[in-house]
Amino acid sequence: MHWLLAGLAGVGSVELFMRLPILPTLAAFRATIPSVFMIIRSARISDHWKEKALLMYARRIFVLTMFLAVYLSGAFVPFILVYGVSIAMSVPFMEFTLSVIGILFVTVVSLCYAKVRFGRVTKQL
């Protein structure tokens, strides 16, 4: 039974992960980083204004990092829900999921599901 629950949690995590706005957040990172390097390298901008601009970019990068942390933590919600169900059913879900075989099983199931459901996985990521 723990095999079925682990597979279900993996599928749920893939579905949730693909629906989270991770790509727009990474695109915002990609747009911010070149601006930071441009400001640092510029000889025409005074150190005073570089400090002010870099503080603004540091805030933006921090907020984007926090959003990514929340999104990636949210992808584990199906495991938490399935864990609650497994406690009610007296199934050793957590022990199996944290074992090497369990991690490999969830990884293979998740990747296979993502490949079938979304086509080429790298195109989505």
PDB file of N, CA and C in Angstrom:
ATOM      1  N   MET A   1       0.810  -1.194   0.000  1.00  0.00           N
ATOM      2  CA  MET A   1       0.000   0.000   0.000  1.00  0.00           C
ATOM      3  C   MET A   1       0.857   1.263   0.000  1.00  0.00           C
ATOM      4  N   HIS A   2       2.027   1.188   0.680  1.00  0.00           N
ATOM      5  CA  HIS A   2       2.884   2.368   0.716  1.00  0.00           C
ATOM      6  C   HIS A   2       3.457   2.689  -0.663  1.00  0.00           C
ATOM      7  N   TRP A   3       3.585   1.672  -1.530  1.00  0.00           N
ATOM      8  CA  TRP A   3       4.037   1.933  -2.901  1.00  0.00           C
ATOM      9  C   TRP A   3       3.007   2.794  -3.638  1.00  0.00           C
ATOM     10  N   LEU A   4       1.754   2.432  -3.496  1.00  0.00           N
ATOM     11  CA  LEU A   4       0.674   3.173  -4.152  1.00  0.00           C
ATOM     12  C   LEU A   4       0.584   4.609  -3.613  1.00  0.00           C
ATOM     13  N   LEU A   5       0.683   4.755  -2.313  1.00  0.00           N
ATOM     14  CA  LEU A   5       0.618   6.092  -1.729  1.00  0.00           C
ATOM     15  C   LEU A   5       1.807   6.955  -2.151  1.00  0.00           C
ATOM     16  N   ALA A   6       2.992   6.352  -2.232  1.00  0.00           N
ATOM     17  CA  ALA A   6       4.170   7.110  -2.663  1.00  0.00           C
ATOM     18  C   ALA A   6       4.033   7.534  -4.122  1.00  0.00           C
ATOM     19  N   GLY A   7       3.532   6.647  -4.957  1.00  0.00           N
ATOM     20  CA  GLY A   7       3.310   7.007  -6.362  1.00  0.00           C
ATOM     21  C   GLY A   7       2.269   8.100  -6.507  1.00  0.00           C
ATOM     22  N   LEU A   8       1.212   8.021  -5.712  1.00  0.00           N
ATOM     23  CA  LEU A   8       0.166   9.044  -5.731  1.00  0.00           C
ATOM     24  C   LEU A   8       0.713  10.402  -5.288  1.00  0.00           C
ATOM     25  N   ALA A   9       1.543  10.407  -4.256  1.00  0.00           N
ATOM     26  CA  ALA A   9       2.147  11.655  -3.790  1.00  0.00           C
ATOM     27  C   ALA A   9       3.093  12.229  -4.843  1.00  0.00           C
ATOM     28  N   GLY A  10       3.846  11.373  -5.526  1.00  0.00           N
ATOM     29  CA  GLY A  10       4.739  11.840  -6.585  1.00  0.00           C
ATOM     30  C   GLY A  10       3.974  12.463  -7.740  1.00  0.00           C
ATOM     31  N   VAL A  11       2.895  11.830  -8.143  1.00  0.00           N
ATOM     32  CA  VAL A  11       2.053  12.367  -9.229  1.00  0.00           C
ATOM     33  C   VAL A  11       1.433  13.696  -8.811  1.00  0.00           C
ATOM     34  N   GLY A  12       0.958  13.773  -7.583  1.00  0.00           N
ATOM     35  CA  GLY A  12       0.376  15.024  -7.090  1.00  0.00           C
ATOM     36  C   GLY A  12       1.399  16.148  -7.050  1.00  0.00           C
ATOM     37  N   SER A  13       2.622  15.832  -6.660  1.00  0.00           N
ATOM     38  CA  SER A  13       3.673  16.846  -6.623  1.00  0.00           C
ATOM     39  C   SER A  13       4.027  17.345  -8.017  1.00  0.00           C
ATOM     40  N   VAL A  14       4.067  16.444  -8.987  1.00  0.00           N
ATOM     41  CA  VAL A  14       4.353  16.854 -10.366  1.00  0.00           C
ATOM     42  C   VAL A  14       3.253  17.781 -10.880  1.00  0.00           C
ATOM     43  N   GLU A  15       2.000  17.416 -10.647  1.00  0.00           N
ATOM     44  CA  GLU A  15       0.888  18.254 -11.091  1.00  0.00           C
ATOM     45  C   GLU A  15       0.951  19.637 -10.453  1.00  0.00           C
ATOM     46  N   LEU A  16       1.194  19.677  -9.160  1.00  0.00           N
ATOM     47  CA  LEU A  16       1.270  20.957  -8.466  1.00  0.00           C
ATOM     48  C   LEU A  16       2.479  21.764  -8.918  1.00  0.00           C
ATOM     49  N   PHE A  17       3.627  21.113  -9.075  1.00  0.00           N
ATOM     50  CA  PHE A  17       4.854  21.792  -9.488  1.00  0.00           C
ATOM     51  C   PHE A  17       4.695  22.425 -10.867  1.00  0.00           C
ATOM     52  N   MET A  18       4.056  21.728 -11.790  1.00  0.00           N
ATOM     53  CA  MET A  18       3.896  22.260 -13.140  1.00  0.00           C
ATOM     54  C   MET A  18       2.894  23.408 -13.195  1.00  0.00           C
ATOM     55  N   ARG A  19       2.049  23.541 -12.200  1.00  0.00           N
ATOM     56  CA  ARG A  19       1.063  24.618 -12.191  1.00  0.00           C
ATOM     57  C   ARG A  19       1.516  25.852 -11.399  1.00  0.00           C
ATOM     58  N   LEU A  20       2.582  25.718 -10.640  1.00  0.00           N
ATOM     59  CA  LEU A  20       3.092  26.857  -9.874  1.00  0.00           C
ATOM     60  C   LEU A  20       3.806  27.837 -10.809  1.00  0.00           C
ATOM     61  N   PRO A  21       3.780  29.130 -10.494  1.00  0.00           N
ATOM     62  CA  PRO A  21       4.413  30.125 -11.373  1.00  0.00           C
ATOM     63  C   PRO A  21       5.933  30.203 -11.188  1.00  0.00           C
ATOM     64  N   ILE A  22       6.596  29.086 -11.355  1.00  0.00           N
ATOM     65  CA  ILE A  22       8.041  29.052 -11.174  1.00  0.00           C
ATOM     66  C   ILE A  22       8.751  29.672 -12.377  1.00  0.00           C
ATOM     67  N   LEU A  23       8.276  29.397 -13.570  1.00  0.00           N
ATOM     68  CA  LEU A  23       8.941  29.937 -14.763  1.00  0.00           C
ATOM     69  C   LEU A  23       8.920  31.463 -14.821  1.00  0.00           C
ATOM     70  N   PRO A  24       7.801  32.140 -14.526  1.00  0.00           N
ATOM     71  CA  PRO A  24       7.861  33.606 -14.502  1.00  0.00           C
ATOM     72  C   PRO A  24       8.811  34.150 -13.430  1.00  0.00           C
ATOM     73  N   THR A  25       8.905  33.459 -12.319  1.00  0.00           N
ATOM     74  CA  THR A  25       9.831  33.899 -11.268  1.00  0.00           C
ATOM     75  C   THR A  25      11.273  33.749 -11.737  1.00  0.00           C
ATOM     76  N   LEU A  26      11.583  32.634 -12.386  1.00  0.00           N
ATOM     77  CA  LEU A  26      12.933  32.467 -12.925  1.00  0.00           C
ATOM     78  C   LEU A  26      13.221  33.453 -14.047  1.00  0.00           C
ATOM     79  N   ALA A  27      12.207  33.814 -14.827  1.00  0.00           N
ATOM     80  CA  ALA A  27      12.389  34.825 -15.877  1.00  0.00           C
ATOM     81  C   ALA A  27      12.691  36.186 -15.259  1.00  0.00           C
ATOM     82  N   ALA A  28      12.074  36.490 -14.126  1.00  0.00           N
ATOM     83  CA  ALA A  28      12.370  37.746 -13.440  1.00  0.00           C
ATOM     84  C   ALA A  28      13.816  37.749 -12.931  1.00  0.00           C
ATOM     85  N   PHE A  29      14.295  36.602 -12.449  1.00  0.00           N
ATOM     86  CA  PHE A  29      15.707  36.488 -12.077  1.00  0.00           C
ATOM     87  C   PHE A  29      16.587  36.761 -13.286  1.00  0.00           C
ATOM     88  N   ARG A  30      16.248  36.109 -14.385  1.00  0.00           N
ATOM     89  CA  ARG A  30      17.040  36.237 -15.608  1.00  0.00           C
ATOM     90  C   ARG A  30      17.082  37.680 -16.104  1.00  0.00           C
ATOM     91  N   ALA A  31      16.044  38.434 -15.874  1.00  0.00           N
ATOM     92  CA  ALA A  31      16.011  39.837 -16.287  1.00  0.00           C
ATOM     93  C   ALA A  31      16.765  40.734 -15.313  1.00  0.00           C
ATOM     94  N   THR A  32      16.844  40.345 -14.059  1.00  0.00           N
ATOM     95  CA  THR A  32      17.470  41.185 -13.043  1.00  0.00           C
ATOM     96  C   THR A  32      18.986  41.084 -13.041  1.00  0.00           C
ATOM     97  N   ILE A  33      19.517  39.897 -13.198  1.00  0.00           N
ATOM     98  CA  ILE A  33      20.957  39.670 -13.055  1.00  0.00           C
ATOM     99  C   ILE A  33      21.790  40.483 -14.056  1.00  0.00           C
ATOM    100  N   PRO A  34      21.445  40.541 -15.349  1.00  0.00           N
ATOM    101  CA  PRO A  34      22.256  41.367 -16.262  1.00  0.00           C
ATOM    102  C   PRO A  34      22.257  42.846 -15.886  1.00  0.00           C
ATOM    103  N   SER A  35      21.144  43.329 -15.351  1.00  0.00           N
ATOM    104  CA  SER A  35      21.083  44.728 -14.922  1.00  0.00           C
ATOM    105  C   SER A  35      22.048  44.986 -13.772  1.00  0.00           C
ATOM    106  N   VAL A  36      22.161  44.039 -12.871  1.00  0.00           N
ATOM    107  CA  VAL A  36      23.075  44.181 -11.746  1.00  0.00           C
ATOM    108  C   VAL A  36      24.511  44.275 -12.252  1.00  0.00           C
ATOM    109  N   PHE A  37      24.881  43.370 -13.154  1.00  0.00           N
ATOM    110  CA  PHE A  37      26.248  43.397 -13.678  1.00  0.00           C
ATOM    111  C   PHE A  37      26.519  44.658 -14.491  1.00  0.00           C
ATOM    112  N   MET A  38      25.514  45.144 -15.199  1.00  0.00           N
ATOM    113  CA  MET A  38      25.690  46.360 -15.980  1.00  0.00           C
ATOM    114  C   MET A  38      25.976  47.547 -15.058  1.00  0.00           C
ATOM    115  N   ILE A  39      25.261  47.618 -13.955  1.00  0.00           N
ATOM    116  CA  ILE A  39      25.474  48.718 -13.009  1.00  0.00           C
ATOM    117  C   ILE A  39      26.848  48.607 -12.354  1.00  0.00           C
ATOM    118  N   ILE A  40      27.241  47.420 -11.967  1.00  0.00           N
ATOM    119  CA  ILE A  40      28.534  47.239 -11.305  1.00  0.00           C
ATOM    120  C   ILE A  40      29.680  47.633 -12.237  1.00  0.00           C
ATOM    121  N   ARG A  41      29.598  47.245 -13.500  1.00  0.00           N
ATOM    122  CA  ARG A  41      30.683  47.503 -14.461  1.00  0.00           C
ATOM    123  C   ARG A  41      30.713  48.932 -14.988  1.00  0.00           C
ATOM    124  N   SER A  42      29.638  49.655 -14.842  1.00  0.00           N
ATOM    125  CA  SER A  42      29.555  50.991 -15.427  1.00  0.00           C
ATOM    126  C   SER A  42      30.482  51.964 -14.712  1.00  0.00           C
ATOM    127  N   ALA A  43      31.286  52.662 -15.498  1.00  0.00           N
ATOM    128  CA  ALA A  43      32.174  53.688 -14.944  1.00  0.00           C
ATOM    129  C   ALA A  43      31.466  55.034 -14.876  1.00  0.00           C
ATOM    130  N   ARG A  44      30.349  55.158 -15.572  1.00  0.00           N
ATOM    131  CA  ARG A  44      29.625  56.429 -15.619  1.00  0.00           C
ATOM    132  C   ARG A  44      28.696  56.635 -14.429  1.00  0.00           C
ATOM    133  N   ILE A  45      28.453  55.587 -13.648  1.00  0.00           N
ATOM    134  CA  ILE A  45      27.562  55.687 -12.496  1.00  0.00           C
ATOM    135  C   ILE A  45      28.420  55.830 -11.241  1.00  0.00           C
ATOM    136  N   SER A  46      28.081  56.817 -10.414  1.00  0.00           N
ATOM    137  CA  SER A  46      28.861  57.032  -9.189  1.00  0.00           C
ATOM    138  C   SER A  46      28.595  55.909  -8.185  1.00  0.00           C
ATOM    139  N   ASP A  47      29.527  55.773  -7.253  1.00  0.00           N
ATOM    140  CA  ASP A  47      29.375  54.737  -6.230  1.00  0.00           C
ATOM    141  C   ASP A  47      28.131  54.957  -5.381  1.00  0.00           C
ATOM    142  N   HIS A  48      27.784  56.205  -5.152  1.00  0.00           N
ATOM    143  CA  HIS A  48      26.589  56.524  -4.378  1.00  0.00           C
ATOM    144  C   HIS A  48      25.346  55.932  -5.044  1.00  0.00           C
ATOM    145  N   TRP A  49      25.190  56.145  -6.343  1.00  0.00           N
ATOM    146  CA  TRP A  49      24.014  55.644  -7.055  1.00  0.00           C
ATOM    147  C   TRP A  49      24.088  54.137  -7.279  1.00  0.00           C
ATOM    148  N   LYS A  50      25.306  53.614  -7.372  1.00  0.00           N
ATOM    149  CA  LYS A  50      25.444  52.154  -7.466  1.00  0.00           C
ATOM    150  C   LYS A  50      24.925  51.491  -6.187  1.00  0.00           C
ATOM    151  N   GLU A  51      25.255  52.088  -5.047  1.00  0.00           N
ATOM    152  CA  GLU A  51      24.772  51.536  -3.781  1.00  0.00           C
ATOM    153  C   GLU A  51      23.251  51.538  -3.723  1.00  0.00           C
ATOM    154  N   LYS A  52      22.647  52.625  -4.142  1.00  0.00           N
ATOM    155  CA  LYS A  52      21.181  52.724  -4.111  1.00  0.00           C
ATOM    156  C   LYS A  52      20.544  51.720  -5.079  1.00  0.00           C
ATOM    157  N   ALA A  53      21.090  51.615  -6.275  1.00  0.00           N
ATOM    158  CA  ALA A  53      20.528  50.697  -7.271  1.00  0.00           C
ATOM    159  C   ALA A  53      20.728  49.247  -6.852  1.00  0.00           C
ATOM    160  N   LEU A  54      21.906  48.920  -6.336  1.00  0.00           N
ATOM    161  CA  LEU A  54      22.164  47.542  -5.937  1.00  0.00           C
ATOM    162  C   LEU A  54      21.318  47.128  -4.739  1.00  0.00           C
ATOM    163  N   LEU A  55      21.006  48.076  -3.875  1.00  0.00           N
ATOM    164  CA  LEU A  55      20.100  47.772  -2.763  1.00  0.00           C
ATOM    165  C   LEU A  55      18.712  47.403  -3.292  1.00  0.00           C
ATOM    166  N   MET A  56      18.250  48.120  -4.292  1.00  0.00           N
ATOM    167  CA  MET A  56      16.948  47.823  -4.891  1.00  0.00           C
ATOM    168  C   MET A  56      16.967  46.433  -5.550  1.00  0.00           C
ATOM    169  N   TYR A  57      18.049  46.147  -6.289  1.00  0.00           N
ATOM    170  CA  TYR A  57      18.150  44.836  -6.937  1.00  0.00           C
ATOM    171  C   TYR A  57      18.299  43.718  -5.910  1.00  0.00           C
ATOM    172  N   ALA A  58      19.003  43.980  -4.826  1.00  0.00           N
ATOM    173  CA  ALA A  58      19.143  42.966  -3.770  1.00  0.00           C
ATOM    174  C   ALA A  58      17.786  42.638  -3.158  1.00  0.00           C
ATOM    175  N   ARG A  59      16.963  43.664  -2.944  1.00  0.00           N
ATOM    176  CA  ARG A  59      15.608  43.434  -2.431  1.00  0.00           C
ATOM    177  C   ARG A  59      14.793  42.582  -3.405  1.00  0.00           C
ATOM    178  N   ARG A  60      14.884  42.926  -4.682  1.00  0.00           N
ATOM    179  CA  ARG A  60      14.128  42.178  -5.695  1.00  0.00           C
ATOM    180  C   ARG A  60      14.580  40.714  -5.729  1.00  0.00           C
ATOM    181  N   ILE A  61      15.880  40.489  -5.697  1.00  0.00           N
ATOM    182  CA  ILE A  61      16.392  39.120  -5.729  1.00  0.00           C
ATOM    183  C   ILE A  61      15.974  38.357  -4.470  1.00  0.00           C
ATOM    184  N   PHE A  62      15.981  39.030  -3.323  1.00  0.00           N
ATOM    185  CA  PHE A  62      15.552  38.395  -2.082  1.00  0.00           C
ATOM    186  C   PHE A  62      14.089  37.977  -2.157  1.00  0.00           C
ATOM    187  N   VAL A  63      13.236  38.868  -2.635  1.00  0.00           N
ATOM    188  CA  VAL A  63      11.807  38.554  -2.738  1.00  0.00           C
ATOM    189  C   VAL A  63      11.585  37.401  -3.720  1.00  0.00           C
ATOM    190  N   LEU A  64      12.275  37.419  -4.845  1.00  0.00           N
ATOM    191  CA  LEU A  64      12.132  36.326  -5.810  1.00  0.00           C
ATOM    192  C   LEU A  64      12.613  35.002  -5.212  1.00  0.00           C
ATOM    193  N   THR A  65      13.664  35.047  -4.427  1.00  0.00           N
ATOM    194  CA  THR A  65      14.167  33.841  -3.770  1.00  0.00           C
ATOM    195  C   THR A  65      13.144  33.311  -2.773  1.00  0.00           C
ATOM    196  N   MET A  66      12.505  34.201  -2.043  1.00  0.00           N
ATOM    197  CA  MET A  66      11.483  33.770  -1.085  1.00  0.00           C
ATOM    198  C   MET A  66      10.287  33.143  -1.813  1.00  0.00           C
ATOM    199  N   PHE A  67       9.890  33.738  -2.938  1.00  0.00           N
ATOM    200  CA  PHE A  67       8.803  33.144  -3.719  1.00  0.00           C
ATOM    201  C   PHE A  67       9.182  31.751  -4.199  1.00  0.00           C
ATOM    202  N   LEU A  68      10.401  31.578  -4.698  1.00  0.00           N
ATOM    203  CA  LEU A  68      10.829  30.256  -5.141  1.00  0.00           C
ATOM    204  C   LEU A  68      10.836  29.258  -3.990  1.00  0.00           C
ATOM    205  N   ALA A  69      11.271  29.692  -2.817  1.00  0.00           N
ATOM    206  CA  ALA A  69      11.270  28.798  -1.658  1.00  0.00           C
ATOM    207  C   ALA A  69       9.857  28.363  -1.298  1.00  0.00           C
ATOM    208  N   VAL A  70       8.916  29.301  -1.353  1.00  0.00           N
ATOM    209  CA  VAL A  70       7.518  28.965  -1.051  1.00  0.00           C
ATOM    210  C   VAL A  70       6.959  28.017  -2.108  1.00  0.00           C
ATOM    211  N   TYR A  71       7.252  28.283  -3.379  1.00  0.00           N
ATOM    212  CA  TYR A  71       6.749  27.419  -4.447  1.00  0.00           C
ATOM    213  C   TYR A  71       7.309  26.006  -4.325  1.00  0.00           C
ATOM    214  N   LEU A  72       8.601  25.899  -4.078  1.00  0.00           N
ATOM    215  CA  LEU A  72       9.206  24.570  -3.975  1.00  0.00           C
ATOM    216  C   LEU A  72       8.731  23.835  -2.724  1.00  0.00           C
ATOM    217  N   SER A  73       8.505  24.569  -1.650  1.00  0.00           N
ATOM    218  CA  SER A  73       7.942  23.937  -0.448  1.00  0.00           C
ATOM    219  C   SER A  73       6.502  23.505  -0.701  1.00  0.00           C
ATOM    220  N   GLY A  74       5.772  24.290  -1.458  1.00  0.00           N
ATOM    221  CA  GLY A  74       4.387  23.952  -1.776  1.00  0.00           C
ATOM    222  C   GLY A  74       4.266  22.698  -2.617  1.00  0.00           C
ATOM    223  N   ALA A  75       5.311  22.374  -3.368  1.00  0.00           N
ATOM    224  CA  ALA A  75       5.271  21.165  -4.186  1.00  0.00           C
ATOM    225  C   ALA A  75       5.266  19.901  -3.328  1.00  0.00           C
ATOM    226  N   PHE A  76       5.602  20.032  -2.040  1.00  0.00           N
ATOM    227  CA  PHE A  76       5.597  18.870  -1.150  1.00  0.00           C
ATOM    228  C   PHE A  76       4.278  18.690  -0.405  1.00  0.00           C
ATOM    229  N   VAL A  77       3.316  19.542  -0.660  1.00  0.00           N
ATOM    230  CA  VAL A  77       2.015  19.438   0.009  1.00  0.00           C
ATOM    231  C   VAL A  77       1.354  18.073  -0.239  1.00  0.00           C
ATOM    232  N   PRO A  78       1.398  17.510  -1.462  1.00  0.00           N
ATOM    233  CA  PRO A  78       0.799  16.184  -1.638  1.00  0.00           C
ATOM    234  C   PRO A  78       1.420  15.118  -0.737  1.00  0.00           C
ATOM    235  N   PHE A  79       2.723  15.211  -0.465  1.00  0.00           N
ATOM    236  CA  PHE A  79       3.349  14.241   0.431  1.00  0.00           C
ATOM    237  C   PHE A  79       2.824  14.397   1.853  1.00  0.00           C
ATOM    238  N   ILE A  80       2.591  15.630   2.266  1.00  0.00           N
ATOM    239  CA  ILE A  80       2.059  15.872   3.611  1.00  0.00           C
ATOM    240  C   ILE A  80       0.634  15.329   3.722  1.00  0.00           C
ATOM    241  N   LEU A  81      -0.167  15.554   2.683  1.00  0.00           N
ATOM    242  CA  LEU A  81      -1.542  15.042   2.699  1.00  0.00           C
ATOM    243  C   LEU A  81      -1.581  13.523   2.698  1.00  0.00           C
ATOM    244  N   VAL A  82      -0.743  12.913   1.854  1.00  0.00           N
ATOM    245  CA  VAL A  82      -0.701  11.450   1.801  1.00  0.00           C
ATOM    246  C   VAL A  82      -0.157  10.887   3.108  1.00  0.00           C
ATOM    247  N   TYR A  83       0.761  11.588   3.726  1.00  0.00           N
ATOM    248  CA  TYR A  83       1.278  11.143   5.024  1.00  0.00           C
ATOM    249  C   TYR A  83       0.161  11.122   6.067  1.00  0.00           C
ATOM    250  N   GLY A  84      -0.703  12.131   6.045  1.00  0.00           N
ATOM    251  CA  GLY A  84      -1.840  12.150   6.959  1.00  0.00           C
ATOM    252  C   GLY A  84      -2.772  10.972   6.727  1.00  0.00           C
ATOM    253  N   VAL A  85      -3.002  10.648   5.467  1.00  0.00           N
ATOM    254  CA  VAL A  85      -3.845   9.486   5.137  1.00  0.00           C
ATOM    255  C   VAL A  85      -3.167   8.204   5.590  1.00  0.00           C
ATOM    256  N   SER A  86      -1.857   8.110   5.418  1.00  0.00           N
ATOM    257  CA  SER A  86      -1.143   6.883   5.790  1.00  0.00           C
ATOM    258  C   SER A  86      -1.152   6.660   7.302  1.00  0.00           C
ATOM    259  N   ILE A  87      -1.148   7.735   8.072  1.00  0.00           N
ATOM    260  CA  ILE A  87      -1.234   7.588   9.534  1.00  0.00           C
ATOM    261  C   ILE A  87      -2.591   7.004   9.907  1.00  0.00           C
ATOM    262  N   ALA A  88      -3.638   7.500   9.252  1.00  0.00           N
ATOM    263  CA  ALA A  88      -4.978   6.987   9.539  1.00  0.00           C
ATOM    264  C   ALA A  88      -5.115   5.519   9.139  1.00  0.00           C
ATOM    265  N   MET A  89      -4.374   5.119   8.099  1.00  0.00           N
ATOM    266  CA  MET A  89      -4.458   3.740   7.612  1.00  0.00           C
ATOM    267  C   MET A  89      -3.387   2.837   8.221  1.00  0.00           C
ATOM    268  N   SER A  90      -2.529   3.376   9.066  1.00  0.00           N
ATOM    269  CA  SER A  90      -1.422   2.626   9.692  1.00  0.00           C
ATOM    270  C   SER A  90      -0.497   2.015   8.650  1.00  0.00           C
ATOM    271  N   VAL A  91      -0.133   2.820   7.659  1.00  0.00           N
ATOM    272  CA  VAL A  91       0.777   2.381   6.604  1.00  0.00           C
ATOM    273  C   VAL A  91       2.128   3.056   6.834  1.00  0.00           C
ATOM    274  N   PRO A  92       3.248   2.313   6.740  1.00  0.00           N
ATOM    275  CA  PRO A  92       4.569   2.913   6.978  1.00  0.00           C
ATOM    276  C   PRO A  92       5.037   3.755   5.780  1.00  0.00           C
ATOM    277  N   PHE A  93       4.307   4.804   5.484  1.00  0.00           N
ATOM    278  CA  PHE A  93       4.593   5.634   4.307  1.00  0.00           C
ATOM    279  C   PHE A  93       5.892   6.411   4.450  1.00  0.00           C
ATOM    280  N   MET A  94       6.099   7.052   5.589  1.00  0.00           N
ATOM    281  CA  MET A  94       7.266   7.904   5.771  1.00  0.00           C
ATOM    282  C   MET A  94       8.556   7.089   5.736  1.00  0.00           C
ATOM    283  N   GLU A  95       8.567   5.936   6.370  1.00  0.00           N
ATOM    284  CA  GLU A  95       9.768   5.095   6.361  1.00  0.00           C
ATOM    285  C   GLU A  95      10.115   4.667   4.934  1.00  0.00           C
ATOM    286  N   PHE A  96       9.096   4.311   4.165  1.00  0.00           N
ATOM    287  CA  PHE A  96       9.335   3.900   2.793  1.00  0.00           C
ATOM    288  C   PHE A  96       9.786   5.080   1.935  1.00  0.00           C
ATOM    289  N   THR A  97       9.129   6.210   2.074  1.00  0.00           N
ATOM    290  CA  THR A  97       9.439   7.371   1.244  1.00  0.00           C
ATOM    291  C   THR A  97      10.841   7.904   1.516  1.00  0.00           C
ATOM    292  N   LEU A  98      11.328   7.784   2.715  1.00  0.00           N
ATOM    293  CA  LEU A  98      12.662   8.280   3.051  1.00  0.00           C
ATOM    294  C   LEU A  98      13.763   7.261   2.832  1.00  0.00           C
ATOM    295  N   SER A  99      13.411   6.040   2.445  1.00  0.00           N
ATOM    296  CA  SER A  99      14.431   5.034   2.142  1.00  0.00           C
ATOM    297  C   SER A  99      14.953   5.251   0.720  1.00  0.00           C
ATOM    298  N   VAL A 100      16.074   4.640   0.416  1.00  0.00           N
ATOM    299  CA  VAL A 100      16.669   4.783  -0.918  1.00  0.00           C
ATOM    300  C   VAL A 100      15.734   4.226  -1.984  1.00  0.00           C
ATOM    301  N   ILE A 101      15.140   3.099  -1.720  1.00  0.00           N
ATOM    302  CA  ILE A 101      14.212   2.493  -2.685  1.00  0.00           C
ATOM    303  C   ILE A 101      12.990   3.388  -2.871  1.00  0.00           C
ATOM    304  N   GLY A 102      12.487   3.948  -1.795  1.00  0.00           N
ATOM    305  CA  GLY A 102      11.330   4.839  -1.885  1.00  0.00           C
ATOM    306  C   GLY A 102      11.643   6.099  -2.676  1.00  0.00           C
ATOM    307  N   ILE A 103      12.802   6.689  -2.433  1.00  0.00           N
ATOM    308  CA  ILE A 103      13.197   7.894  -3.176  1.00  0.00           C
ATOM    309  C   ILE A 103      13.343   7.583  -4.656  1.00  0.00           C
ATOM    310  N   LEU A 104      13.977   6.462  -4.966  1.00  0.00           N
ATOM    311  CA  LEU A 104      14.115   6.065  -6.375  1.00  0.00           C
ATOM    312  C   LEU A 104      12.762   5.800  -7.014  1.00  0.00           C
ATOM    313  N   PHE A 105      11.884   5.129  -6.283  1.00  0.00           N
ATOM    314  CA  PHE A 105      10.559   4.832  -6.823  1.00  0.00           C
ATOM    315  C   PHE A 105       9.775   6.109  -7.109  1.00  0.00           C
ATOM    316  N   VAL A 106       9.747   7.031  -6.161  1.00  0.00           N
ATOM    317  CA  VAL A 106       9.006   8.284  -6.346  1.00  0.00           C
ATOM    318  C   VAL A 106       9.624   9.088  -7.494  1.00  0.00           C
ATOM    319  N   THR A 107      10.943   9.095  -7.598  1.00  0.00           N
ATOM    320  CA  THR A 107      11.606   9.824  -8.681  1.00  0.00           C
ATOM    321  C   THR A 107      11.243   9.241 -10.035  1.00  0.00           C
ATOM    322  N   VAL A 108      11.305   7.927 -10.159  1.00  0.00           N
ATOM    323  CA  VAL A 108      10.982   7.279 -11.442  1.00  0.00           C
ATOM    324  C   VAL A 108       9.510   7.489 -11.794  1.00  0.00           C
ATOM    325  N   VAL A 109       8.624   7.309 -10.827  1.00  0.00           N
ATOM    326  CA  VAL A 109       7.190   7.506 -11.087  1.00  0.00           C
ATOM    327  C   VAL A 109       6.919   8.950 -11.486  1.00  0.00           C
ATOM    328  N   SER A 110       7.527   9.893 -10.778  1.00  0.00           N
ATOM    329  CA  SER A 110       7.298  11.310 -11.075  1.00  0.00           C
ATOM    330  C   SER A 110       7.814  11.686 -12.463  1.00  0.00           C
ATOM    331  N   LEU A 111       9.009  11.222 -12.798  1.00  0.00           N
ATOM    332  CA  LEU A 111       9.558  11.541 -14.118  1.00  0.00           C
ATOM    333  C   LEU A 111       8.757  10.887 -15.242  1.00  0.00           C
ATOM    334  N   CYS A 112       8.349   9.647 -15.039  1.00  0.00           N
ATOM    335  CA  CYS A 112       7.531   8.973 -16.062  1.00  0.00           C
ATOM    336  C   CYS A 112       6.183   9.669 -16.220  1.00  0.00           C
ATOM    337  N   TYR A 113       5.577  10.047 -15.118  1.00  0.00           N
ATOM    338  CA  TYR A 113       4.295  10.741 -15.196  1.00  0.00           C
ATOM    339  C   TYR A 113       4.455  12.089 -15.894  1.00  0.00           C
ATOM    340  N   ALA A 114       5.502  12.820 -15.548  1.00  0.00           N
ATOM    341  CA  ALA A 114       5.728  14.119 -16.185  1.00  0.00           C
ATOM    342  C   ALA A 114       5.967  13.959 -17.673  1.00  0.00           C
ATOM    343  N   LYS A 115       6.688  12.918 -18.064  1.00  0.00           N
ATOM    344  CA  LYS A 115       6.957  12.668 -19.487  1.00  0.00           C
ATOM    345  C   LYS A 115       5.662  12.355 -20.224  1.00  0.00           C
ATOM    346  N   VAL A 116       4.820  11.518 -19.645  1.00  0.00           N
ATOM    347  CA  VAL A 116       3.556  11.152 -20.284  1.00  0.00           C
ATOM    348  C   VAL A 116       2.580  12.324 -20.290  1.00  0.00           C
ATOM    349  N   ARG A 117       2.491  13.019 -19.183  1.00  0.00           N
ATOM    350  CA  ARG A 117       1.492  14.081 -19.039  1.00  0.00           C
ATOM    351  C   ARG A 117       1.848  15.359 -19.779  1.00  0.00           C
ATOM    352  N   PHE A 118       3.113  15.742 -19.719  1.00  0.00           N
ATOM    353  CA  PHE A 118       3.509  17.036 -20.259  1.00  0.00           C
ATOM    354  C   PHE A 118       4.432  16.948 -21.464  1.00  0.00           C
ATOM    355  N   GLY A 119       4.664  15.785 -21.978  1.00  0.00           N
ATOM    356  CA  GLY A 119       5.573  15.647 -23.124  1.00  0.00           C
ATOM    357  C   GLY A 119       7.006  15.691 -22.655  1.00  0.00           C
ATOM    358  N   ARG A 120       7.819  16.391 -23.408  1.00  0.00           N
ATOM    359  CA  ARG A 120       9.218  16.520 -23.033  1.00  0.00           C
ATOM    360  C   ARG A 120       9.339  17.337 -21.761  1.00  0.00           C
ATOM    361  N   VAL A 121       9.926  16.767 -20.726  1.00  0.00           N
ATOM    362  CA  VAL A 121       9.974  17.420 -19.419  1.00  0.00           C
ATOM    363  C   VAL A 121      10.837  18.675 -19.476  1.00  0.00           C
ATOM    364  N   THR A 122      11.955  18.648 -20.200  1.00  0.00           N
ATOM    365  CA  THR A 122      12.848  19.791 -20.227  1.00  0.00           C
ATOM    366  C   THR A 122      12.212  20.987 -20.911  1.00  0.00           C
ATOM    367  N   LYS A 123      11.245  20.750 -21.810  1.00  0.00           N
ATOM    368  CA  LYS A 123      10.559  21.867 -22.455  1.00  0.00           C
ATOM    369  C   LYS A 123       9.738  22.654 -21.427  1.00  0.00           C
ATOM    370  N   GLN A 124       9.160  21.972 -20.444  1.00  0.00           N
ATOM    371  CA  GLN A 124       8.353  22.634 -19.425  1.00  0.00           C
ATOM    372  C   GLN A 124       9.219  23.342 -18.394  1.00  0.00           C
ATOM    373  N   LEU A 125      10.384  22.789 -18.087  1.00  0.00           N
ATOM    374  CA  LEU A 125      11.241  23.374 -17.076  1.00  0.00           C
ATOM    375  C   LEU A 125      12.130  24.365 -17.752  1.00  0.00           C
TER     376      LEU A 125
END
